[in-house]
Amino acid sequence: MPNEPKPRPATAPGLDLDGFVPYRLSVLSNRVSGAIARHYSEEFGLTIPEWRVMAVLGGTSELAAREVANRTAMDKVQVSRAVAGLMRAGRVARGGDAHDGRVTRLSLTPQGRAIYDRIVPLALHLEELFLSALSAEERRVFDRLMTKLARQARLLGPDA
């Protein structure tokens, strides 16, 4: 019959999710982000995307939404929703660009900066707690491997 799916060749490898690195990275990232997000949500009323936007703006002020999306690897819709929520809460402000009137710049408000300054020590503590499973040498190796894999991921395509 023409609409029946073709059977997979006997030699085709199966996908073992427990050993598939992209899947494992995704699950690990979701678990870590979710655990940390509970702290941000309970104490500061922030979602994961909102915290990511604040984290980027806290380190580099006056970015366009496109730049925030690039730095966080979030899509434009996620960034837009996060920015809208942060603006409603008075944590982020939008302003004009001195060189290009078509571009708007985002920055933390004084209230947003105060929250950012309170979250950073918590974020660093949670990172330390997470990484405490590794020895100092394992951390150095992990950092080098993350850098190499991030560079390699860019070769996979424009969204990587």
N, C-alpha and C. Protein backbone atom coordinates (compact mmCIF):
# COMPACT_ATOMS: atom_id res chain seq x y z
N MET A 1 0.84 -1.18 0.00
CA MET A 1 0.00 0.00 0.00
C MET A 1 0.88 1.23 0.00
N PRO A 2 0.50 2.29 -0.74
CA PRO A 2 1.36 3.47 -0.88
C PRO A 2 1.48 4.32 0.37
N ASN A 3 0.53 4.33 1.29
CA ASN A 3 0.57 5.20 2.46
C ASN A 3 1.20 4.56 3.69
N GLU A 4 1.62 3.32 3.57
CA GLU A 4 2.23 2.65 4.71
C GLU A 4 3.65 3.18 4.93
N PRO A 5 4.03 3.37 6.21
CA PRO A 5 5.40 3.82 6.46
C PRO A 5 6.38 2.73 6.08
N LYS A 6 7.52 3.18 5.61
CA LYS A 6 8.57 2.23 5.24
C LYS A 6 9.27 1.75 6.50
N PRO A 7 9.50 0.45 6.58
CA PRO A 7 10.22 -0.04 7.76
C PRO A 7 11.65 0.46 7.74
N ARG A 8 12.18 0.65 8.93
CA ARG A 8 13.56 1.08 9.06
C ARG A 8 14.47 -0.08 8.68
N PRO A 9 15.55 0.21 7.96
CA PRO A 9 16.49 -0.88 7.65
C PRO A 9 17.02 -1.51 8.92
N ALA A 10 17.28 -2.78 8.88
CA ALA A 10 17.74 -3.52 10.05
C ALA A 10 19.05 -2.97 10.59
N THR A 11 19.84 -2.34 9.74
CA THR A 11 21.14 -1.83 10.18
C THR A 11 21.06 -0.42 10.76
N ALA A 12 19.91 0.25 10.64
CA ALA A 12 19.80 1.61 11.16
C ALA A 12 19.87 1.58 12.69
N PRO A 13 20.67 2.46 13.27
CA PRO A 13 20.78 2.47 14.74
C PRO A 13 19.52 3.05 15.37
N GLY A 14 19.17 2.55 16.54
CA GLY A 14 18.05 3.11 17.28
C GLY A 14 18.53 4.32 18.07
N LEU A 15 17.61 5.05 18.60
CA LEU A 15 17.94 6.23 19.39
C LEU A 15 17.77 5.88 20.86
N ASP A 16 18.88 5.79 21.56
CA ASP A 16 18.88 5.54 22.99
C ASP A 16 18.94 6.89 23.69
N LEU A 17 17.77 7.37 24.14
CA LEU A 17 17.72 8.70 24.73
C LEU A 17 18.63 8.84 25.95
N ASP A 18 18.78 7.78 26.71
CA ASP A 18 19.62 7.87 27.90
C ASP A 18 21.09 8.12 27.56
N GLY A 19 21.49 7.83 26.34
CA GLY A 19 22.86 8.08 25.91
C GLY A 19 22.98 9.20 24.89
N PHE A 20 21.87 9.78 24.47
CA PHE A 20 21.85 10.83 23.44
C PHE A 20 22.18 12.18 24.08
N VAL A 21 23.36 12.70 23.78
CA VAL A 21 23.88 13.89 24.46
C VAL A 21 22.95 15.10 24.37
N PRO A 22 22.39 15.44 23.20
CA PRO A 22 21.48 16.60 23.18
C PRO A 22 20.29 16.44 24.14
N TYR A 23 19.75 15.25 24.22
CA TYR A 23 18.64 14.99 25.13
C TYR A 23 19.10 15.14 26.58
N ARG A 24 20.23 14.54 26.90
CA ARG A 24 20.74 14.60 28.27
C ARG A 24 21.04 16.04 28.69
N LEU A 25 21.61 16.83 27.78
CA LEU A 25 21.89 18.24 28.09
C LEU A 25 20.60 19.00 28.33
N SER A 26 19.60 18.74 27.50
CA SER A 26 18.31 19.41 27.64
C SER A 26 17.65 19.08 28.98
N VAL A 27 17.64 17.81 29.33
CA VAL A 27 17.04 17.39 30.59
C VAL A 27 17.79 18.00 31.77
N LEU A 28 19.11 17.95 31.73
CA LEU A 28 19.92 18.53 32.81
C LEU A 28 19.65 20.02 32.94
N SER A 29 19.66 20.72 31.81
CA SER A 29 19.40 22.15 31.82
C SER A 29 18.02 22.47 32.39
N ASN A 30 17.02 21.70 31.98
CA ASN A 30 15.66 21.94 32.48
C ASN A 30 15.57 21.68 33.98
N ARG A 31 16.24 20.63 34.45
CA ARG A 31 16.20 20.33 35.89
C ARG A 31 16.89 21.40 36.71
N VAL A 32 18.06 21.84 36.26
CA VAL A 32 18.79 22.88 36.99
C VAL A 32 18.02 24.19 36.94
N SER A 33 17.56 24.58 35.75
CA SER A 33 16.81 25.83 35.61
C SER A 33 15.54 25.80 36.46
N GLY A 34 14.85 24.66 36.44
CA GLY A 34 13.61 24.55 37.22
C GLY A 34 13.86 24.66 38.71
N ALA A 35 14.91 24.01 39.19
CA ALA A 35 15.23 24.07 40.62
C ALA A 35 15.59 25.49 41.03
N ILE A 36 16.40 26.14 40.22
CA ILE A 36 16.81 27.51 40.53
C ILE A 36 15.63 28.47 40.39
N ALA A 37 14.79 28.24 39.38
CA ALA A 37 13.64 29.11 39.14
C ALA A 37 12.69 29.12 40.32
N ARG A 38 12.58 28.00 41.02
CA ARG A 38 11.71 27.97 42.19
C ARG A 38 12.14 29.02 43.21
N HIS A 39 13.46 29.17 43.38
CA HIS A 39 13.96 30.20 44.30
C HIS A 39 13.60 31.59 43.80
N TYR A 40 13.84 31.86 42.52
CA TYR A 40 13.56 33.18 41.95
C TYR A 40 12.07 33.48 41.99
N SER A 41 11.27 32.47 41.72
CA SER A 41 9.83 32.66 41.68
C SER A 41 9.28 32.94 43.08
N GLU A 42 9.70 32.12 44.04
CA GLU A 42 9.20 32.27 45.41
C GLU A 42 9.61 33.59 46.03
N GLU A 43 10.86 33.96 45.85
CA GLU A 43 11.36 35.17 46.52
C GLU A 43 11.12 36.45 45.74
N PHE A 44 11.13 36.36 44.40
CA PHE A 44 11.11 37.58 43.60
C PHE A 44 9.98 37.63 42.56
N GLY A 45 9.21 36.56 42.45
CA GLY A 45 8.10 36.54 41.49
C GLY A 45 8.56 36.57 40.04
N LEU A 46 9.68 35.91 39.74
CA LEU A 46 10.23 35.92 38.39
C LEU A 46 10.10 34.56 37.73
N THR A 47 9.85 34.57 36.43
CA THR A 47 9.90 33.35 35.64
C THR A 47 11.34 33.16 35.16
N ILE A 48 11.64 31.98 34.62
CA ILE A 48 12.98 31.73 34.09
C ILE A 48 13.32 32.73 32.98
N PRO A 49 12.45 32.93 31.98
CA PRO A 49 12.79 33.92 30.94
C PRO A 49 12.98 35.33 31.49
N GLU A 50 12.16 35.72 32.48
CA GLU A 50 12.32 37.06 33.06
C GLU A 50 13.68 37.20 33.75
N TRP A 51 14.08 36.16 34.50
CA TRP A 51 15.39 36.23 35.15
C TRP A 51 16.49 36.30 34.11
N ARG A 52 16.38 35.53 33.03
CA ARG A 52 17.43 35.56 32.01
C ARG A 52 17.55 36.95 31.40
N VAL A 53 16.43 37.60 31.14
CA VAL A 53 16.47 38.96 30.61
C VAL A 53 17.13 39.89 31.62
N MET A 54 16.72 39.79 32.89
CA MET A 54 17.32 40.65 33.91
C MET A 54 18.81 40.38 34.07
N ALA A 55 19.21 39.12 34.00
CA ALA A 55 20.63 38.78 34.16
C ALA A 55 21.46 39.42 33.06
N VAL A 56 20.96 39.38 31.83
CA VAL A 56 21.69 39.98 30.70
C VAL A 56 21.73 41.50 30.86
N LEU A 57 20.59 42.10 31.20
CA LEU A 57 20.55 43.56 31.35
C LEU A 57 21.34 44.03 32.56
N GLY A 58 21.44 43.17 33.58
CA GLY A 58 22.21 43.55 34.77
C GLY A 58 23.70 43.64 34.48
N GLY A 59 24.17 42.84 33.53
CA GLY A 59 25.58 42.86 33.19
C GLY A 59 25.92 43.83 32.07
N THR A 60 24.94 44.12 31.22
CA THR A 60 25.14 45.03 30.08
C THR A 60 23.84 45.79 29.88
N SER A 61 23.83 47.04 30.19
CA SER A 61 22.59 47.80 30.10
C SER A 61 22.32 48.27 28.67
N GLU A 62 21.10 48.67 28.47
CA GLU A 62 20.64 49.26 27.22
C GLU A 62 20.90 48.38 26.00
N LEU A 63 20.30 47.21 26.03
CA LEU A 63 20.37 46.30 24.89
C LEU A 63 19.04 46.30 24.14
N ALA A 64 19.11 46.08 22.85
CA ALA A 64 17.89 45.87 22.07
C ALA A 64 17.38 44.47 22.38
N ALA A 65 16.07 44.27 22.22
CA ALA A 65 15.47 42.96 22.48
C ALA A 65 16.15 41.88 21.65
N ARG A 66 16.54 42.21 20.43
CA ARG A 66 17.23 41.25 19.55
C ARG A 66 18.54 40.80 20.19
N GLU A 67 19.27 41.73 20.80
CA GLU A 67 20.53 41.39 21.46
C GLU A 67 20.29 40.52 22.69
N VAL A 68 19.21 40.79 23.42
CA VAL A 68 18.86 39.97 24.57
C VAL A 68 18.56 38.55 24.11
N ALA A 69 17.80 38.42 23.02
CA ALA A 69 17.47 37.10 22.48
C ALA A 69 18.74 36.35 22.08
N ASN A 70 19.67 37.04 21.44
CA ASN A 70 20.93 36.40 21.04
C ASN A 70 21.74 35.92 22.24
N ARG A 71 21.82 36.75 23.27
CA ARG A 71 22.65 36.41 24.43
C ARG A 71 22.04 35.31 25.29
N THR A 72 20.71 35.20 25.28
CA THR A 72 20.04 34.20 26.12
C THR A 72 19.66 32.94 25.37
N ALA A 73 19.79 32.96 24.04
CA ALA A 73 19.36 31.85 23.18
C ALA A 73 17.86 31.57 23.33
N MET A 74 17.11 32.62 23.67
CA MET A 74 15.64 32.50 23.72
C MET A 74 15.09 33.06 22.41
N ASP A 75 13.91 32.59 22.03
CA ASP A 75 13.32 33.14 20.82
C ASP A 75 12.69 34.50 21.11
N LYS A 76 12.37 35.22 20.03
CA LYS A 76 11.85 36.59 20.17
C LYS A 76 10.55 36.65 20.96
N VAL A 77 9.70 35.65 20.82
CA VAL A 77 8.43 35.63 21.54
C VAL A 77 8.67 35.51 23.04
N GLN A 78 9.57 34.61 23.44
CA GLN A 78 9.90 34.46 24.87
C GLN A 78 10.45 35.77 25.43
N VAL A 79 11.35 36.39 24.69
CA VAL A 79 11.94 37.65 25.16
C VAL A 79 10.86 38.72 25.26
N SER A 80 10.01 38.80 24.26
CA SER A 80 8.95 39.80 24.25
C SER A 80 8.02 39.63 25.45
N ARG A 81 7.62 38.40 25.73
CA ARG A 81 6.73 38.15 26.88
C ARG A 81 7.43 38.47 28.20
N ALA A 82 8.69 38.07 28.30
CA ALA A 82 9.44 38.34 29.53
C ALA A 82 9.59 39.85 29.73
N VAL A 83 9.94 40.56 28.67
CA VAL A 83 10.10 42.02 28.77
C VAL A 83 8.78 42.67 29.15
N ALA A 84 7.68 42.23 28.55
CA ALA A 84 6.36 42.80 28.87
C ALA A 84 6.04 42.59 30.35
N GLY A 85 6.30 41.39 30.87
CA GLY A 85 6.06 41.12 32.29
C GLY A 85 6.94 41.97 33.19
N LEU A 86 8.20 42.11 32.82
CA LEU A 86 9.13 42.92 33.61
C LEU A 86 8.77 44.40 33.56
N MET A 87 8.27 44.86 32.43
CA MET A 87 7.85 46.26 32.32
C MET A 87 6.60 46.50 33.18
N ARG A 88 5.63 45.56 33.14
CA ARG A 88 4.43 45.70 33.97
C ARG A 88 4.80 45.76 35.45
N ALA A 89 5.82 45.00 35.83
CA ALA A 89 6.26 44.97 37.24
C ALA A 89 7.17 46.13 37.59
N GLY A 90 7.50 46.98 36.61
CA GLY A 90 8.37 48.12 36.86
C GLY A 90 9.83 47.77 37.02
N ARG A 91 10.24 46.62 36.46
CA ARG A 91 11.62 46.17 36.62
C ARG A 91 12.50 46.47 35.42
N VAL A 92 11.88 46.68 34.27
CA VAL A 92 12.61 47.00 33.04
C VAL A 92 11.93 48.18 32.38
N ALA A 93 12.74 49.05 31.78
CA ALA A 93 12.23 50.20 31.03
C ALA A 93 12.73 50.14 29.60
N ARG A 94 11.96 50.72 28.72
CA ARG A 94 12.32 50.80 27.31
C ARG A 94 12.66 52.26 27.00
N GLY A 95 13.73 52.44 26.24
CA GLY A 95 14.11 53.78 25.84
C GLY A 95 14.59 53.79 24.40
N GLY A 96 14.77 54.97 23.85
CA GLY A 96 15.22 55.11 22.48
C GLY A 96 16.71 54.90 22.32
N ASP A 97 17.11 54.68 21.08
CA ASP A 97 18.52 54.53 20.74
C ASP A 97 19.02 55.88 20.23
N ALA A 98 20.14 56.33 20.73
CA ALA A 98 20.67 57.64 20.35
C ALA A 98 21.06 57.71 18.87
N HIS A 99 21.38 56.57 18.26
CA HIS A 99 21.87 56.56 16.89
C HIS A 99 20.85 56.07 15.87
N ASP A 100 19.85 55.32 16.33
CA ASP A 100 18.88 54.74 15.40
C ASP A 100 17.50 54.80 16.04
N GLY A 101 16.66 55.69 15.56
CA GLY A 101 15.33 55.89 16.11
C GLY A 101 14.41 54.70 15.98
N ARG A 102 14.76 53.75 15.11
CA ARG A 102 13.91 52.56 14.94
C ARG A 102 14.16 51.52 16.02
N VAL A 103 15.25 51.65 16.76
CA VAL A 103 15.63 50.66 17.76
C VAL A 103 15.26 51.17 19.14
N THR A 104 14.70 50.28 19.97
CA THR A 104 14.48 50.62 21.37
C THR A 104 15.46 49.83 22.23
N ARG A 105 15.87 50.44 23.29
CA ARG A 105 16.84 49.83 24.20
C ARG A 105 16.15 49.48 25.51
N LEU A 106 16.57 48.36 26.09
CA LEU A 106 16.02 47.90 27.36
C LEU A 106 17.05 48.10 28.46
N SER A 107 16.59 48.45 29.63
CA SER A 107 17.49 48.58 30.78
C SER A 107 16.70 48.29 32.05
N LEU A 108 17.43 47.94 33.09
CA LEU A 108 16.80 47.72 34.38
C LEU A 108 16.42 49.06 34.99
N THR A 109 15.27 49.10 35.62
CA THR A 109 14.88 50.28 36.39
C THR A 109 15.60 50.21 37.73
N PRO A 110 15.54 51.25 38.54
CA PRO A 110 16.14 51.15 39.88
C PRO A 110 15.56 49.96 40.67
N GLN A 111 14.26 49.72 40.54
CA GLN A 111 13.64 48.57 41.22
C GLN A 111 14.20 47.26 40.66
N GLY A 112 14.34 47.18 39.34
CA GLY A 112 14.92 45.99 38.72
C GLY A 112 16.35 45.77 39.13
N ARG A 113 17.13 46.85 39.22
CA ARG A 113 18.53 46.76 39.65
C ARG A 113 18.62 46.27 41.09
N ALA A 114 17.73 46.74 41.95
CA ALA A 114 17.74 46.30 43.36
C ALA A 114 17.45 44.80 43.46
N ILE A 115 16.50 44.32 42.67
CA ILE A 115 16.21 42.88 42.67
C ILE A 115 17.39 42.10 42.10
N TYR A 116 17.95 42.59 41.00
CA TYR A 116 19.12 41.94 40.40
C TYR A 116 20.24 41.82 41.44
N ASP A 117 20.51 42.91 42.16
CA ASP A 117 21.58 42.91 43.16
C ASP A 117 21.31 41.92 44.29
N ARG A 118 20.05 41.64 44.58
CA ARG A 118 19.70 40.66 45.61
C ARG A 118 19.78 39.23 45.07
N ILE A 119 19.49 39.04 43.79
CA ILE A 119 19.48 37.70 43.21
C ILE A 119 20.89 37.18 42.93
N VAL A 120 21.79 38.05 42.53
CA VAL A 120 23.13 37.60 42.13
C VAL A 120 23.80 36.74 43.20
N PRO A 121 23.83 37.15 44.47
CA PRO A 121 24.45 36.27 45.47
C PRO A 121 23.74 34.91 45.57
N LEU A 122 22.42 34.90 45.45
CA LEU A 122 21.67 33.65 45.48
C LEU A 122 22.03 32.78 44.27
N ALA A 123 22.09 33.39 43.09
CA ALA A 123 22.45 32.66 41.87
C ALA A 123 23.84 32.05 42.00
N LEU A 124 24.77 32.81 42.50
CA LEU A 124 26.14 32.31 42.67
C LEU A 124 26.20 31.19 43.70
N HIS A 125 25.41 31.32 44.76
CA HIS A 125 25.35 30.26 45.77
C HIS A 125 24.78 28.98 45.18
N LEU A 126 23.70 29.09 44.41
CA LEU A 126 23.09 27.91 43.80
C LEU A 126 24.01 27.28 42.77
N GLU A 127 24.75 28.11 42.03
CA GLU A 127 25.73 27.57 41.09
C GLU A 127 26.81 26.78 41.85
N GLU A 128 27.28 27.34 42.94
CA GLU A 128 28.30 26.66 43.74
C GLU A 128 27.77 25.35 44.30
N LEU A 129 26.54 25.34 44.75
CA LEU A 129 25.93 24.12 45.26
C LEU A 129 25.85 23.07 44.16
N PHE A 130 25.46 23.46 42.97
CA PHE A 130 25.37 22.56 41.83
C PHE A 130 26.75 22.01 41.46
N LEU A 131 27.73 22.88 41.37
CA LEU A 131 29.07 22.47 40.95
C LEU A 131 29.87 21.77 42.05
N SER A 132 29.36 21.78 43.27
CA SER A 132 30.09 21.15 44.37
C SER A 132 30.24 19.64 44.17
N ALA A 133 29.49 19.08 43.23
CA ALA A 133 29.63 17.65 42.91
C ALA A 133 30.94 17.37 42.17
N LEU A 134 31.59 18.43 41.67
CA LEU A 134 32.82 18.28 40.89
C LEU A 134 34.03 18.75 41.67
N SER A 135 35.16 18.10 41.43
CA SER A 135 36.42 18.56 42.01
C SER A 135 36.88 19.81 41.26
N ALA A 136 37.89 20.47 41.77
CA ALA A 136 38.42 21.67 41.11
C ALA A 136 38.89 21.33 39.70
N GLU A 137 39.58 20.21 39.54
CA GLU A 137 40.05 19.81 38.21
C GLU A 137 38.87 19.48 37.30
N GLU A 138 37.88 18.79 37.81
CA GLU A 138 36.69 18.48 36.99
C GLU A 138 35.98 19.75 36.55
N ARG A 139 35.96 20.76 37.41
CA ARG A 139 35.34 22.04 37.04
C ARG A 139 36.10 22.70 35.89
N ARG A 140 37.43 22.67 35.96
CA ARG A 140 38.23 23.26 34.88
C ARG A 140 37.98 22.51 33.57
N VAL A 141 37.96 21.19 33.64
CA VAL A 141 37.71 20.38 32.44
C VAL A 141 36.29 20.66 31.93
N PHE A 142 35.33 20.69 32.83
CA PHE A 142 33.94 20.96 32.45
C PHE A 142 33.82 22.31 31.74
N ASP A 143 34.47 23.32 32.27
CA ASP A 143 34.44 24.64 31.66
C ASP A 143 35.02 24.61 30.25
N ARG A 144 36.16 23.94 30.09
CA ARG A 144 36.77 23.83 28.76
C ARG A 144 35.86 23.07 27.80
N LEU A 145 35.26 21.99 28.28
CA LEU A 145 34.36 21.21 27.43
C LEU A 145 33.11 22.01 27.03
N MET A 146 32.56 22.75 27.98
CA MET A 146 31.39 23.59 27.66
C MET A 146 31.74 24.62 26.59
N THR A 147 32.90 25.22 26.70
CA THR A 147 33.34 26.20 25.70
C THR A 147 33.49 25.56 24.34
N LYS A 148 34.13 24.40 24.30
CA LYS A 148 34.30 23.70 23.01
C LYS A 148 32.96 23.30 22.41
N LEU A 149 32.06 22.78 23.23
CA LEU A 149 30.76 22.35 22.72
C LEU A 149 29.91 23.53 22.27
N ALA A 150 30.00 24.65 22.96
CA ALA A 150 29.26 25.84 22.53
C ALA A 150 29.76 26.32 21.18
N ARG A 151 31.06 26.30 20.99
CA ARG A 151 31.64 26.69 19.71
C ARG A 151 31.19 25.72 18.61
N GLN A 152 31.19 24.43 18.91
CA GLN A 152 30.79 23.42 17.93
C GLN A 152 29.30 23.53 17.61
N ALA A 153 28.49 23.87 18.60
CA ALA A 153 27.05 23.99 18.39
C ALA A 153 26.73 25.06 17.36
N ARG A 154 27.55 26.12 17.33
CA ARG A 154 27.32 27.19 16.35
C ARG A 154 27.44 26.69 14.92
N LEU A 155 28.20 25.60 14.73
CA LEU A 155 28.36 25.03 13.39
C LEU A 155 27.13 24.24 12.96
N LEU A 156 26.27 23.90 13.91
CA LEU A 156 25.06 23.12 13.58
C LEU A 156 24.01 23.96 12.85
N GLY A 157 24.02 25.25 13.09
CA GLY A 157 23.04 26.10 12.44
C GLY A 157 22.90 27.43 13.14
N PRO A 158 22.11 28.32 12.56
CA PRO A 158 22.00 29.69 13.08
C PRO A 158 21.34 29.79 14.46
N ASP A 159 20.51 28.83 14.83
CA ASP A 159 19.83 28.88 16.12
C ASP A 159 20.62 28.22 17.23
N ALA A 160 21.76 27.64 16.89
CA ALA A 160 22.53 26.90 17.91
C ALA A 160 23.40 27.84 18.72
